[in-house]
mmCIF file of all heavy atoms, coordinates in Angstrom:
data_MODEL
# 
_entry.id   MODEL 
# 
loop_
_atom_site.group_PDB 
_atom_site.id 
_atom_site.type_symbol 
_atom_site.label_atom_id 
_atom_site.label_alt_id 
_atom_site.label_comp_id 
_atom_site.label_asym_id 
_atom_site.label_entity_id 
_atom_site.label_seq_id 
_atom_site.pdbx_PDB_ins_code 
_atom_site.Cartn_x 
_atom_site.Cartn_y 
_atom_site.Cartn_z 
_atom_site.occupancy 
_atom_site.B_iso_or_equiv 
_atom_site.pdbx_formal_charge 
_atom_site.auth_seq_id 
_atom_site.auth_comp_id 
_atom_site.auth_asym_id 
_atom_site.auth_atom_id 
_atom_site.pdbx_PDB_model_num 
ATOM 1   N N   . VAL A 1 1  ? -57.134 120.532 10.231 1.00 0.00 ? 1  VAL A N   1 
ATOM 2   C CA  . VAL A 1 1  ? -57.493 121.498 11.271 1.00 0.00 ? 1  VAL A CA  1 
ATOM 3   C C   . VAL A 1 1  ? -56.710 121.210 12.554 1.00 0.00 ? 1  VAL A C   1 
ATOM 4   O O   . VAL A 1 1  ? -56.250 122.135 13.232 1.00 0.00 ? 1  VAL A O   1 
ATOM 5   C CB  . VAL A 1 1  ? -59.012 121.473 11.534 1.00 0.00 ? 1  VAL A CB  1 
ATOM 6   C CG1 . VAL A 1 1  ? -59.366 122.384 12.705 1.00 0.00 ? 1  VAL A CG1 1 
ATOM 7   C CG2 . VAL A 1 1  ? -59.774 121.909 10.287 1.00 0.00 ? 1  VAL A CG2 1 
ATOM 8   N N   . LYS A 1 2  ? -56.545 119.944 12.885 1.00 0.00 ? 2  LYS A N   1 
ATOM 9   C CA  . LYS A 1 2  ? -55.777 119.605 14.096 1.00 0.00 ? 2  LYS A CA  1 
ATOM 10  C C   . LYS A 1 2  ? -54.340 120.110 13.989 1.00 0.00 ? 2  LYS A C   1 
ATOM 11  O O   . LYS A 1 2  ? -53.774 120.604 14.977 1.00 0.00 ? 2  LYS A O   1 
ATOM 12  C CB  . LYS A 1 2  ? -55.792 118.093 14.317 1.00 0.00 ? 2  LYS A CB  1 
ATOM 13  C CG  . LYS A 1 2  ? -57.093 117.560 14.873 1.00 0.00 ? 2  LYS A CG  1 
ATOM 14  C CD  . LYS A 1 2  ? -57.013 116.064 15.081 1.00 0.00 ? 2  LYS A CD  1 
ATOM 15  C CE  . LYS A 1 2  ? -58.305 115.511 15.661 1.00 0.00 ? 2  LYS A CE  1 
ATOM 16  N NZ  . LYS A 1 2  ? -58.272 114.045 15.804 1.00 0.00 ? 2  LYS A NZ  1 
ATOM 17  N N   . LEU A 1 3  ? -53.746 119.982 12.834 1.00 0.00 ? 3  LEU A N   1 
ATOM 18  C CA  . LEU A 1 3  ? -52.383 120.482 12.652 1.00 0.00 ? 3  LEU A CA  1 
ATOM 19  C C   . LEU A 1 3  ? -52.338 121.996 12.817 1.00 0.00 ? 3  LEU A C   1 
ATOM 20  O O   . LEU A 1 3  ? -51.402 122.545 13.405 1.00 0.00 ? 3  LEU A O   1 
ATOM 21  C CB  . LEU A 1 3  ? -51.846 120.065 11.281 1.00 0.00 ? 3  LEU A CB  1 
ATOM 22  C CG  . LEU A 1 3  ? -51.607 118.562 11.090 1.00 0.00 ? 3  LEU A CG  1 
ATOM 23  C CD1 . LEU A 1 3  ? -51.215 118.251 9.650  1.00 0.00 ? 3  LEU A CD1 1 
ATOM 24  C CD2 . LEU A 1 3  ? -50.535 118.064 12.051 1.00 0.00 ? 3  LEU A CD2 1 
ATOM 25  N N   . GLN A 1 4  ? -53.357 122.671 12.312 1.00 0.00 ? 4  GLN A N   1 
ATOM 26  C CA  . GLN A 1 4  ? -53.430 124.128 12.485 1.00 0.00 ? 4  GLN A CA  1 
ATOM 27  C C   . GLN A 1 4  ? -53.605 124.502 13.949 1.00 0.00 ? 4  GLN A C   1 
ATOM 28  O O   . GLN A 1 4  ? -53.080 125.521 14.414 1.00 0.00 ? 4  GLN A O   1 
ATOM 29  C CB  . GLN A 1 4  ? -54.587 124.696 11.654 1.00 0.00 ? 4  GLN A CB  1 
ATOM 30  C CG  . GLN A 1 4  ? -54.386 124.612 10.155 1.00 0.00 ? 4  GLN A CG  1 
ATOM 31  C CD  . GLN A 1 4  ? -55.609 125.077 9.380  1.00 0.00 ? 4  GLN A CD  1 
ATOM 32  O OE1 . GLN A 1 4  ? -56.641 125.399 9.949  1.00 0.00 ? 4  GLN A OE1 1 
ATOM 33  N NE2 . GLN A 1 4  ? -55.495 125.109 8.052  1.00 0.00 ? 4  GLN A NE2 1 
ATOM 34  N N   . GLN A 1 5  ? -54.343 123.670 14.690 1.00 0.00 ? 5  GLN A N   1 
ATOM 35  C CA  . GLN A 1 5  ? -54.601 123.953 16.103 1.00 0.00 ? 5  GLN A CA  1 
ATOM 36  C C   . GLN A 1 5  ? -53.578 123.291 17.032 1.00 0.00 ? 5  GLN A C   1 
ATOM 37  O O   . GLN A 1 5  ? -53.735 123.347 18.256 1.00 0.00 ? 5  GLN A O   1 
ATOM 38  C CB  . GLN A 1 5  ? -56.012 123.479 16.468 1.00 0.00 ? 5  GLN A CB  1 
ATOM 39  C CG  . GLN A 1 5  ? -57.126 124.234 15.744 1.00 0.00 ? 5  GLN A CG  1 
ATOM 40  C CD  . GLN A 1 5  ? -58.521 123.791 16.186 1.00 0.00 ? 5  GLN A CD  1 
ATOM 41  O OE1 . GLN A 1 5  ? -58.672 122.903 17.031 1.00 0.00 ? 5  GLN A OE1 1 
ATOM 42  N NE2 . GLN A 1 5  ? -59.546 124.427 15.644 1.00 0.00 ? 5  GLN A NE2 1 
ATOM 43  N N   . LEU A 1 6  ? -52.537 122.681 16.444 1.00 0.00 ? 6  LEU A N   1 
ATOM 44  C CA  . LEU A 1 6  ? -51.459 122.037 17.202 1.00 0.00 ? 6  LEU A CA  1 
ATOM 45  C C   . LEU A 1 6  ? -51.998 120.949 18.139 1.00 0.00 ? 6  LEU A C   1 
ATOM 46  O O   . LEU A 1 6  ? -51.613 120.837 19.313 1.00 0.00 ? 6  LEU A O   1 
ATOM 47  C CB  . LEU A 1 6  ? -50.676 123.080 17.999 1.00 0.00 ? 6  LEU A CB  1 
ATOM 48  C CG  . LEU A 1 6  ? -50.039 124.217 17.180 1.00 0.00 ? 6  LEU A CG  1 
ATOM 49  C CD1 . LEU A 1 6  ? -49.300 125.186 18.090 1.00 0.00 ? 6  LEU A CD1 1 
ATOM 50  C CD2 . LEU A 1 6  ? -49.116 123.660 16.111 1.00 0.00 ? 6  LEU A CD2 1 
ATOM 51  N N   . LYS A 1 7  ? -52.909 120.115 17.593 1.00 0.00 ? 7  LYS A N   1 
ATOM 52  C CA  . LYS A 1 7  ? -53.492 119.016 18.362 1.00 0.00 ? 7  LYS A CA  1 
ATOM 53  C C   . LYS A 1 7  ? -53.041 117.669 17.805 1.00 0.00 ? 7  LYS A C   1 
ATOM 54  O O   . LYS A 1 7  ? -52.713 117.554 16.617 1.00 0.00 ? 7  LYS A O   1 
ATOM 55  C CB  . LYS A 1 7  ? -55.021 119.106 18.326 1.00 0.00 ? 7  LYS A CB  1 
ATOM 56  C CG  . LYS A 1 7  ? -55.564 120.308 19.078 1.00 0.00 ? 7  LYS A CG  1 
ATOM 57  C CD  . LYS A 1 7  ? -57.070 120.427 18.940 1.00 0.00 ? 7  LYS A CD  1 
ATOM 58  C CE  . LYS A 1 7  ? -57.595 121.615 19.754 1.00 0.00 ? 7  LYS A CE  1 
ATOM 59  N NZ  . LYS A 1 7  ? -59.036 121.839 19.549 1.00 0.00 ? 7  LYS A NZ  1 
ATOM 60  N N   . LYS A 1 8  ? -53.040 116.665 18.649 1.00 0.00 ? 8  LYS A N   1 
ATOM 61  C CA  . LYS A 1 8  ? -52.616 115.329 18.241 1.00 0.00 ? 8  LYS A CA  1 
ATOM 62  C C   . LYS A 1 8  ? -53.641 114.698 17.299 1.00 0.00 ? 8  LYS A C   1 
ATOM 63  O O   . LYS A 1 8  ? -54.844 114.938 17.417 1.00 0.00 ? 8  LYS A O   1 
ATOM 64  C CB  . LYS A 1 8  ? -52.439 114.444 19.476 1.00 0.00 ? 8  LYS A CB  1 
ATOM 65  C CG  . LYS A 1 8  ? -51.264 114.828 20.366 1.00 0.00 ? 8  LYS A CG  1 
ATOM 66  C CD  . LYS A 1 8  ? -51.142 113.844 21.529 1.00 0.00 ? 8  LYS A CD  1 
ATOM 67  C CE  . LYS A 1 8  ? -49.952 114.191 22.415 1.00 0.00 ? 8  LYS A CE  1 
ATOM 68  N NZ  . LYS A 1 8  ? -49.833 113.239 23.555 1.00 0.00 ? 8  LYS A NZ  1 
ATOM 69  N N   . LEU A 1 9  ? -53.127 113.860 16.414 1.00 0.00 ? 9  LEU A N   1 
ATOM 70  C CA  . LEU A 1 9  ? -54.008 113.114 15.521 1.00 0.00 ? 9  LEU A CA  1 
ATOM 71  C C   . LEU A 1 9  ? -54.605 111.932 16.271 1.00 0.00 ? 9  LEU A C   1 
ATOM 72  O O   . LEU A 1 9  ? -53.978 111.368 17.171 1.00 0.00 ? 9  LEU A O   1 
ATOM 73  C CB  . LEU A 1 9  ? -53.243 112.633 14.289 1.00 0.00 ? 9  LEU A CB  1 
ATOM 74  C CG  . LEU A 1 9  ? -52.616 113.718 13.408 1.00 0.00 ? 9  LEU A CG  1 
ATOM 75  C CD1 . LEU A 1 9  ? -51.926 113.086 12.201 1.00 0.00 ? 9  LEU A CD1 1 
ATOM 76  C CD2 . LEU A 1 9  ? -53.656 114.732 12.952 1.00 0.00 ? 9  LEU A CD2 1 
ATOM 77  N N   . SER A 1 10 ? -55.808 111.525 15.886 1.00 0.00 ? 10 SER A N   1 
ATOM 78  C CA  . SER A 1 10 ? -56.496 110.405 16.525 1.00 0.00 ? 10 SER A CA  1 
ATOM 79  C C   . SER A 1 10 ? -56.178 109.100 15.803 1.00 0.00 ? 10 SER A C   1 
ATOM 80  O O   . SER A 1 10 ? -55.490 109.076 14.777 1.00 0.00 ? 10 SER A O   1 
ATOM 81  C CB  . SER A 1 10 ? -58.004 110.635 16.506 1.00 0.00 ? 10 SER A CB  1 
ATOM 82  O OG  . SER A 1 10 ? -58.509 110.466 15.182 1.00 0.00 ? 10 SER A OG  1 
ATOM 83  N N   . HIS A 1 11 ? -56.738 107.998 16.321 1.00 0.00 ? 11 HIS A N   1 
ATOM 84  C CA  . HIS A 1 11 ? -56.552 106.684 15.699 1.00 0.00 ? 11 HIS A CA  1 
ATOM 85  C C   . HIS A 1 11 ? -57.093 106.675 14.271 1.00 0.00 ? 11 HIS A C   1 
ATOM 86  O O   . HIS A 1 11 ? -56.498 106.073 13.377 1.00 0.00 ? 11 HIS A O   1 
ATOM 87  C CB  . HIS A 1 11 ? -57.239 105.604 16.530 1.00 0.00 ? 11 HIS A CB  1 
ATOM 88  C CG  . HIS A 1 11 ? -58.738 105.720 16.583 1.00 0.00 ? 11 HIS A CG  1 
ATOM 89  N ND1 . HIS A 1 11 ? -59.393 106.736 17.253 1.00 0.00 ? 11 HIS A ND1 1 
ATOM 90  C CD2 . HIS A 1 11 ? -59.715 104.949 16.036 1.00 0.00 ? 11 HIS A CD2 1 
ATOM 91  C CE1 . HIS A 1 11 ? -60.694 106.590 17.120 1.00 0.00 ? 11 HIS A CE1 1 
ATOM 92  N NE2 . HIS A 1 11 ? -60.925 105.515 16.384 1.00 0.00 ? 11 HIS A NE2 1 
ATOM 93  N N   . LEU A 1 12 ? -58.209 107.354 14.045 1.00 0.00 ? 12 LEU A N   1 
ATOM 94  C CA  . LEU A 1 12 ? -58.792 107.374 12.704 1.00 0.00 ? 12 LEU A CA  1 
ATOM 95  C C   . LEU A 1 12 ? -57.957 108.231 11.756 1.00 0.00 ? 12 LEU A C   1 
ATOM 96  O O   . LEU A 1 12 ? -57.784 107.883 10.577 1.00 0.00 ? 12 LEU A O   1 
ATOM 97  C CB  . LEU A 1 12 ? -60.231 107.892 12.774 1.00 0.00 ? 12 LEU A CB  1 
ATOM 98  C CG  . LEU A 1 12 ? -61.114 107.625 11.558 1.00 0.00 ? 12 LEU A CG  1 
ATOM 99  C CD1 . LEU A 1 12 ? -61.258 106.129 11.322 1.00 0.00 ? 12 LEU A CD1 1 
ATOM 100 C CD2 . LEU A 1 12 ? -62.489 108.250 11.744 1.00 0.00 ? 12 LEU A CD2 1 
ATOM 101 N N   . ASP A 1 13 ? -57.426 109.344 12.247 1.00 0.00 ? 13 ASP A N   1 
ATOM 102 C CA  . ASP A 1 13 ? -56.553 110.188 11.426 1.00 0.00 ? 13 ASP A CA  1 
ATOM 103 C C   . ASP A 1 13 ? -55.347 109.399 10.943 1.00 0.00 ? 13 ASP A C   1 
ATOM 104 O O   . ASP A 1 13 ? -54.947 109.486 9.774  1.00 0.00 ? 13 ASP A O   1 
ATOM 105 C CB  . ASP A 1 13 ? -56.069 111.403 12.229 1.00 0.00 ? 13 ASP A CB  1 
ATOM 106 C CG  . ASP A 1 13 ? -57.203 112.237 12.795 1.00 0.00 ? 13 ASP A CG  1 
ATOM 107 O OD1 . ASP A 1 13 ? -58.253 112.311 12.150 1.00 0.00 ? 13 ASP A OD1 1 
ATOM 108 O OD2 . ASP A 1 13 ? -57.017 112.808 13.884 1.00 0.00 ? 13 ASP A OD2 1 
ATOM 109 N N   . MET A 1 14 ? -54.761 108.627 11.848 1.00 0.00 ? 14 MET A N   1 
ATOM 110 C CA  . MET A 1 14 ? -53.581 107.833 11.501 1.00 0.00 ? 14 MET A CA  1 
ATOM 111 C C   . MET A 1 14 ? -53.949 106.717 10.523 1.00 0.00 ? 14 MET A C   1 
ATOM 112 O O   . MET A 1 14 ? -53.192 106.430 9.591  1.00 0.00 ? 14 MET A O   1 
ATOM 113 C CB  . MET A 1 14 ? -52.960 107.245 12.761 1.00 0.00 ? 14 MET A CB  1 
ATOM 114 C CG  . MET A 1 14 ? -52.483 108.288 13.784 1.00 0.00 ? 14 MET A CG  1 
ATOM 115 S SD  . MET A 1 14 ? -51.257 109.440 13.089 1.00 0.00 ? 14 MET A SD  1 
ATOM 116 C CE  . MET A 1 14 ? -49.888 108.329 12.806 1.00 0.00 ? 14 MET A CE  1 
ATOM 117 N N   . ALA A 1 15 ? -55.111 106.106 10.726 1.00 0.00 ? 15 ALA A N   1 
ATOM 118 C CA  . ALA A 1 15 ? -55.541 105.038 9.826  1.00 0.00 ? 15 ALA A CA  1 
ATOM 119 C C   . ALA A 1 15 ? -55.703 105.545 8.398  1.00 0.00 ? 15 ALA A C   1 
ATOM 120 O O   . ALA A 1 15 ? -55.336 104.863 7.432  1.00 0.00 ? 15 ALA A O   1 
ATOM 121 C CB  . ALA A 1 15 ? -56.853 104.437 10.324 1.00 0.00 ? 15 ALA A CB  1 
ATOM 122 N N   . ALA A 1 16 ? -56.245 106.764 8.258  1.00 0.00 ? 16 ALA A N   1 
ATOM 123 C CA  . ALA A 1 16 ? -56.494 107.325 6.922  1.00 0.00 ? 16 ALA A CA  1 
ATOM 124 C C   . ALA A 1 16 ? -55.206 107.601 6.158  1.00 0.00 ? 16 ALA A C   1 
ATOM 125 O O   . ALA A 1 16 ? -55.231 107.718 4.930  1.00 0.00 ? 16 ALA A O   1 
ATOM 126 C CB  . ALA A 1 16 ? -57.319 108.600 7.037  1.00 0.00 ? 16 ALA A CB  1 
ATOM 127 N N   . LEU A 1 17 ? -54.089 107.694 6.869  1.00 0.00 ? 17 LEU A N   1 
ATOM 128 C CA  . LEU A 1 17 ? -52.809 107.908 6.190  1.00 0.00 ? 17 LEU A CA  1 
ATOM 129 C C   . LEU A 1 17 ? -52.347 106.657 5.453  1.00 0.00 ? 17 LEU A C   1 
ATOM 130 O O   . LEU A 1 17 ? -51.568 106.743 4.499  1.00 0.00 ? 17 LEU A O   1 
ATOM 131 C CB  . LEU A 1 17 ? -51.741 108.323 7.212  1.00 0.00 ? 17 LEU A CB  1 
ATOM 132 C CG  . LEU A 1 17 ? -51.974 109.657 7.930  1.00 0.00 ? 17 LEU A CG  1 
ATOM 133 C CD1 . LEU A 1 17 ? -50.899 109.876 8.993  1.00 0.00 ? 17 LEU A CD1 1 
ATOM 134 C CD2 . LEU A 1 17 ? -51.982 110.807 6.933  1.00 0.00 ? 17 LEU A CD2 1 
ATOM 135 N N   . GLY A 1 18 ? -52.834 105.486 5.891  1.00 0.00 ? 18 GLY A N   1 
ATOM 136 C CA  . GLY A 1 18 ? -52.359 104.241 5.301  1.00 0.00 ? 18 GLY A CA  1 
ATOM 137 C C   . GLY A 1 18 ? -53.387 103.425 4.573  1.00 0.00 ? 18 GLY A C   1 
ATOM 138 O O   . GLY A 1 18 ? -53.045 102.429 3.927  1.00 0.00 ? 18 GLY A O   1 
ATOM 139 N N   . MET A 1 19 ? -54.650 103.811 4.650  1.00 0.00 ? 19 MET A N   1 
ATOM 140 C CA  . MET A 1 19 ? -55.697 103.021 3.989  1.00 0.00 ? 19 MET A CA  1 
ATOM 141 C C   . MET A 1 19 ? -56.887 103.909 3.643  1.00 0.00 ? 19 MET A C   1 
ATOM 142 O O   . MET A 1 19 ? -57.122 104.921 4.307  1.00 0.00 ? 19 MET A O   1 
ATOM 143 C CB  . MET A 1 19 ? -56.155 101.869 4.892  1.00 0.00 ? 19 MET A CB  1 
ATOM 144 C CG  . MET A 1 19 ? -56.804 102.328 6.189  1.00 0.00 ? 19 MET A CG  1 
ATOM 145 S SD  . MET A 1 19 ? -57.280 100.959 7.278  1.00 0.00 ? 19 MET A SD  1 
ATOM 146 C CE  . MET A 1 19 ? -58.669 100.290 6.383  1.00 0.00 ? 19 MET A CE  1 
ATOM 147 N N   . PRO A 1 20 ? -57.636 103.551 2.605  1.00 0.00 ? 20 PRO A N   1 
ATOM 148 C CA  . PRO A 1 20 ? -58.835 104.338 2.281  1.00 0.00 ? 20 PRO A CA  1 
ATOM 149 C C   . PRO A 1 20 ? -59.946 104.054 3.280  1.00 0.00 ? 20 PRO A C   1 
ATOM 150 O O   . PRO A 1 20 ? -60.160 102.900 3.666  1.00 0.00 ? 20 PRO A O   1 
ATOM 151 C CB  . PRO A 1 20 ? -59.204 103.834 0.882  1.00 0.00 ? 20 PRO A CB  1 
ATOM 152 C CG  . PRO A 1 20 ? -58.671 102.434 0.832  1.00 0.00 ? 20 PRO A CG  1 
ATOM 153 C CD  . PRO A 1 20 ? -57.415 102.444 1.656  1.00 0.00 ? 20 PRO A CD  1 
ATOM 154 N N   . LEU A 1 21 ? -60.637 105.092 3.705  1.00 0.00 ? 21 LEU A N   1 
ATOM 155 C CA  . LEU A 1 21 ? -61.795 104.924 4.571  1.00 0.00 ? 21 LEU A CA  1 
ATOM 156 C C   . LEU A 1 21 ? -63.089 104.886 3.769  1.00 0.00 ? 21 LEU A C   1 
ATOM 157 O O   . LEU A 1 21 ? -64.143 104.550 4.297  1.00 0.00 ? 21 LEU A O   1 
ATOM 158 C CB  . LEU A 1 21 ? -61.858 106.063 5.598  1.00 0.00 ? 21 LEU A CB  1 
ATOM 159 C CG  . LEU A 1 21 ? -60.612 106.280 6.454  1.00 0.00 ? 21 LEU A CG  1 
ATOM 160 C CD1 . LEU A 1 21 ? -60.854 107.389 7.475  1.00 0.00 ? 21 LEU A CD1 1 
ATOM 161 C CD2 . LEU A 1 21 ? -60.166 105.006 7.139  1.00 0.00 ? 21 LEU A CD2 1 
ATOM 162 N N   . GLY A 1 22 ? -62.984 105.214 2.497  1.00 0.00 ? 22 GLY A N   1 
ATOM 163 C CA  . GLY A 1 22 ? -64.132 105.215 1.591  1.00 0.00 ? 22 GLY A CA  1 
ATOM 164 C C   . GLY A 1 22 ? -63.777 106.040 0.374  1.00 0.00 ? 22 GLY A C   1 
ATOM 165 O O   . GLY A 1 22 ? -63.419 107.204 0.510  1.00 0.00 ? 22 GLY A O   1 
ATOM 166 N N   . THR A 1 23 ? -63.856 105.440 -0.817 1.00 0.00 ? 23 THR A N   1 
ATOM 167 C CA  . THR A 1 23 ? -63.428 106.154 -2.024 1.00 0.00 ? 23 THR A CA  1 
ATOM 168 C C   . THR A 1 23 ? -64.572 106.863 -2.734 1.00 0.00 ? 23 THR A C   1 
ATOM 169 O O   . THR A 1 23 ? -64.341 107.628 -3.663 1.00 0.00 ? 23 THR A O   1 
ATOM 170 C CB  . THR A 1 23 ? -62.737 105.195 -3.015 1.00 0.00 ? 23 THR A CB  1 
ATOM 171 O OG1 . THR A 1 23 ? -63.651 104.175 -3.416 1.00 0.00 ? 23 THR A OG1 1 
ATOM 172 C CG2 . THR A 1 23 ? -61.514 104.543 -2.373 1.00 0.00 ? 23 THR A CG2 1 
ATOM 173 N N   . THR A 1 24 ? -65.801 106.593 -2.315 1.00 0.00 ? 24 THR A N   1 
ATOM 174 C CA  . THR A 1 24 ? -66.971 107.315 -2.825 1.00 0.00 ? 24 THR A CA  1 
ATOM 175 C C   . THR A 1 24 ? -67.842 107.693 -1.644 1.00 0.00 ? 24 THR A C   1 
ATOM 176 O O   . THR A 1 24 ? -68.075 106.867 -0.760 1.00 0.00 ? 24 THR A O   1 
ATOM 177 C CB  . THR A 1 24 ? -67.795 106.443 -3.796 1.00 0.00 ? 24 THR A CB  1 
ATOM 178 O OG1 . THR A 1 24 ? -66.999 106.086 -4.909 1.00 0.00 ? 24 THR A OG1 1 
ATOM 179 C CG2 . THR A 1 24 ? -69.025 107.200 -4.291 1.00 0.00 ? 24 THR A CG2 1 
ATOM 180 N N   . HIS A 1 25 ? -68.315 108.924 -1.599 1.00 0.00 ? 25 HIS A N   1 
ATOM 181 C CA  . HIS A 1 25 ? -69.210 109.324 -0.526 1.00 0.00 ? 25 HIS A CA  1 
ATOM 182 C C   . HIS A 1 25 ? -70.435 108.409 -0.515 1.00 0.00 ? 25 HIS A C   1 
ATOM 183 O O   . HIS A 1 25 ? -71.015 108.106 -1.558 1.00 0.00 ? 25 HIS A O   1 
ATOM 184 C CB  . HIS A 1 25 ? -69.643 110.770 -0.702 1.00 0.00 ? 25 HIS A CB  1 
ATOM 185 C CG  . HIS A 1 25 ? -68.521 111.747 -0.520 1.00 0.00 ? 25 HIS A CG  1 
ATOM 186 N ND1 . HIS A 1 25 ? -68.666 113.092 -0.728 1.00 0.00 ? 25 HIS A ND1 1 
ATOM 187 C CD2 . HIS A 1 25 ? -67.231 111.567 -0.121 1.00 0.00 ? 25 HIS A CD2 1 
ATOM 188 C CE1 . HIS A 1 25 ? -67.517 113.713 -0.474 1.00 0.00 ? 25 HIS A CE1 1 
ATOM 189 N NE2 . HIS A 1 25 ? -66.640 112.805 -0.115 1.00 0.00 ? 25 HIS A NE2 1 
ATOM 190 N N   . GLY A 1 26 ? -70.803 107.974 0.675  1.00 0.00 ? 26 GLY A N   1 
ATOM 191 C CA  . GLY A 1 26 ? -71.906 107.036 0.815  1.00 0.00 ? 26 GLY A CA  1 
ATOM 192 C C   . GLY A 1 26 ? -71.451 105.608 1.008  1.00 0.00 ? 26 GLY A C   1 
ATOM 193 O O   . GLY A 1 26 ? -72.266 104.728 1.292  1.00 0.00 ? 26 GLY A O   1 
ATOM 194 N N   . THR A 1 27 ? -70.156 105.353 0.844  1.00 0.00 ? 27 THR A N   1 
ATOM 195 C CA  . THR A 1 27 ? -69.607 104.019 1.061  1.00 0.00 ? 27 THR A CA  1 
ATOM 196 C C   . THR A 1 27 ? -68.421 104.116 2.012  1.00 0.00 ? 27 THR A C   1 
ATOM 197 O O   . THR A 1 27 ? -67.829 105.177 2.184  1.00 0.00 ? 27 THR A O   1 
ATOM 198 C CB  . THR A 1 27 ? -69.129 103.372 -0.253 1.00 0.00 ? 27 THR A CB  1 
ATOM 199 O OG1 . THR A 1 27 ? -68.034 104.128 -0.791 1.00 0.00 ? 27 THR A OG1 1 
ATOM 200 C CG2 . THR A 1 27 ? -70.246 103.316 -1.280 1.00 0.00 ? 27 THR A CG2 1 
ATOM 201 N N   . THR A 1 28 ? -68.087 102.986 2.638  1.00 0.00 ? 28 THR A N   1 
ATOM 202 C CA  . THR A 1 28 ? -66.902 102.931 3.490  1.00 0.00 ? 28 THR A CA  1 
ATOM 203 C C   . THR A 1 28 ? -66.180 101.604 3.282  1.00 0.00 ? 28 THR A C   1 
ATOM 204 O O   . THR A 1 28 ? -66.750 100.636 2.766  1.00 0.00 ? 28 THR A O   1 
ATOM 205 C CB  . THR A 1 28 ? -67.254 103.044 4.989  1.00 0.00 ? 28 THR A CB  1 
ATOM 206 O OG1 . THR A 1 28 ? -67.985 101.875 5.396  1.00 0.00 ? 28 THR A OG1 1 
ATOM 207 C CG2 . THR A 1 28 ? -68.063 104.298 5.285  1.00 0.00 ? 28 THR A CG2 1 
# 
């Protein structure tokens, strides 16, 4: 959505590009 709205990515957005934030819903 940020890319569609031409907004910068956050620290968490960038982190998700290089590491899993949680591979099953309910876990992190």
